Protein backbone atom coordinates (compact mmCIF):
# COMPACT_ATOMS: atom_id res chain seq x y z
CA MET A 1 43.20 8.78 -131.02
CA THR A 2 45.01 12.07 -131.40
CA ALA A 3 42.76 14.64 -129.74
CA LEU A 4 43.13 15.50 -126.09
CA PRO A 5 40.65 13.90 -123.70
CA ASP A 6 37.49 15.94 -123.65
CA PRO A 7 36.84 17.11 -121.05
CA VAL A 8 40.21 17.02 -119.32
CA TRP A 9 39.08 17.88 -115.78
CA PRO A 10 37.70 14.38 -114.91
CA VAL A 11 41.07 12.88 -115.87
CA ALA A 12 42.89 15.37 -113.64
CA VAL A 13 40.49 14.71 -110.75
CA LEU A 14 40.96 10.94 -111.07
CA ALA A 15 44.75 11.39 -111.17
CA PHE A 16 44.52 13.46 -107.97
CA ILE A 17 42.39 10.76 -106.31
CA GLN A 18 44.85 8.03 -107.32
CA PHE A 19 47.81 10.02 -106.01
CA GLY A 20 46.02 10.56 -102.70
CA ASP A 21 45.11 6.88 -102.54
CA GLY A 22 48.77 6.02 -103.13
CA LEU A 23 49.72 8.20 -100.16
CA LEU A 24 47.13 6.45 -97.99
CA CYS A 25 48.54 3.07 -99.02
CA LEU A 26 52.03 4.03 -97.83
CA GLY A 27 52.39 2.33 -94.51
CA PRO A 28 49.33 1.87 -94.97
CA VAL A 29 47.09 4.11 -92.86
CA PRO A 30 44.92 2.19 -90.34
CA PHE A 31 41.67 2.05 -92.34
CA VAL A 32 43.51 0.83 -95.46
CA ARG A 33 45.36 -1.75 -93.33
CA ARG A 34 42.02 -3.01 -91.96
CA CYS A 35 40.61 -3.22 -95.48
CA PHE A 36 43.59 -5.24 -96.71
CA GLU A 37 43.28 -7.55 -93.72
CA GLU A 38 39.51 -7.98 -94.06
CA VAL A 39 39.76 -9.05 -97.70
CA ARG A 40 42.76 -11.24 -96.87
CA PHE A 41 45.03 -9.41 -99.32
CA PRO A 42 48.44 -11.05 -98.71
CA ARG A 43 50.68 -8.78 -96.64
CA LYS A 44 53.66 -9.66 -98.83
CA TRP A 45 51.92 -7.77 -101.70
CA TRP A 46 50.93 -4.62 -99.77
CA TRP A 47 54.07 -2.83 -100.90
CA LEU A 48 52.82 -2.93 -104.51
CA THR A 49 49.76 -0.77 -103.97
CA PRO A 50 51.45 2.66 -103.60
CA PRO A 51 53.57 2.29 -106.77
CA LEU A 52 50.50 1.08 -108.70
CA LYS A 53 48.44 4.06 -107.52
CA PHE A 54 51.26 6.52 -108.27
CA ALA A 55 51.81 4.95 -111.71
CA ALA A 56 48.08 5.28 -112.41
CA ALA A 57 48.18 8.95 -111.40
CA LEU A 58 51.20 9.53 -113.64
CA GLY A 59 49.61 7.63 -116.53
CA LEU A 60 46.46 9.73 -116.25
CA VAL A 61 48.40 13.01 -116.14
CA ALA A 62 50.53 11.95 -119.11
CA GLY A 63 47.32 10.78 -120.78
CA ILE A 64 46.17 14.37 -121.01
CA ARG A 65 48.80 14.86 -123.74
CA LEU A 66 48.98 11.22 -124.85
CA PRO A 67 45.32 10.14 -124.86
CA VAL A 68 46.11 6.53 -125.74
CA LEU A 69 48.12 6.25 -122.51
CA GLY A 70 45.31 7.89 -120.56
CA ALA A 71 42.74 5.50 -122.03
CA VAL A 72 44.89 2.46 -121.29
CA THR A 73 45.47 3.71 -117.75
CA VAL A 74 41.81 4.37 -116.99
CA TRP A 75 40.80 0.94 -118.34
CA ALA A 76 43.58 -0.64 -116.26
CA LEU A 77 42.03 1.08 -113.24
CA VAL A 78 38.65 -0.38 -114.17
CA LEU A 79 40.27 -3.82 -114.15
CA TYR A 80 42.02 -3.06 -110.84
CA PHE A 81 38.73 -2.15 -109.16
CA LEU A 82 36.95 -5.18 -110.62
CA VAL A 83 39.64 -7.32 -108.98
CA ALA A 84 39.23 -5.34 -105.74
CA ILE A 85 35.47 -5.99 -105.82
CA ALA A 86 36.15 -9.70 -106.38
CA PHE A 87 38.42 -9.69 -103.27
CA HIS A 88 35.64 -8.09 -101.22
CA VAL A 89 33.01 -10.54 -102.47
CA ARG A 90 35.29 -13.53 -101.87
CA ALA A 91 35.89 -12.33 -98.30
CA ARG A 92 32.15 -11.63 -97.85
CA ASP A 93 33.00 -8.02 -97.06
CA PHE A 94 29.77 -6.37 -98.18
CA GLY A 95 30.12 -3.21 -96.12
CA ARG A 96 31.48 0.26 -96.71
CA ASN A 97 34.76 -0.89 -98.26
CA LEU A 98 32.94 -2.72 -101.05
CA LEU A 99 29.97 -0.45 -101.56
CA LEU A 100 31.54 2.96 -101.17
CA ASN A 101 35.23 2.53 -101.87
CA ALA A 102 35.71 -0.21 -104.46
CA THR A 103 32.38 0.12 -106.26
CA GLY A 104 32.46 3.91 -106.07
CA MET A 105 35.94 4.01 -107.58
CA LEU A 106 34.92 1.54 -110.29
CA LEU A 107 32.04 3.83 -111.25
CA ILE A 108 34.26 6.92 -111.25
CA CYS A 109 36.81 5.16 -113.48
CA LEU A 110 34.11 3.95 -115.86
CA LEU A 111 32.63 7.45 -116.07
CA VAL A 112 36.05 8.98 -116.81
CA ALA A 113 36.75 6.29 -119.43
CA VAL A 114 33.49 6.90 -121.24
CA TYR A 115 33.14 10.65 -120.64
CA SER A 116 36.72 11.77 -121.37
CA PHE A 117 38.11 9.02 -123.60
CA GLY A 118 34.97 7.62 -125.20
CA PRO A 119 33.90 8.05 -128.79
């Protein structure tokens, strides 16, 4: 894979979303805190989410010039959101957090993976 992702704009948009999500996870803001609590995500691991989101944003931006890195990053995000969905299902949290946030982000990541980095 040597060509740039085509098109590039979905990769940039996803990087922007991940950066914003990382900012929301700092602290975290109240609705993110409630989500973590509702899925019983251990508090001792909350600190990991902002660096993961920021690393994903950086990997996507770098992936514009290094498409292999971008592809690996977007597929890692797919895995991340599959795990997030599993947390929601395990906690029987079938509301907005599962349907809109986790599933929506999984679909966005899959679309970027296929649309920008696919064959």
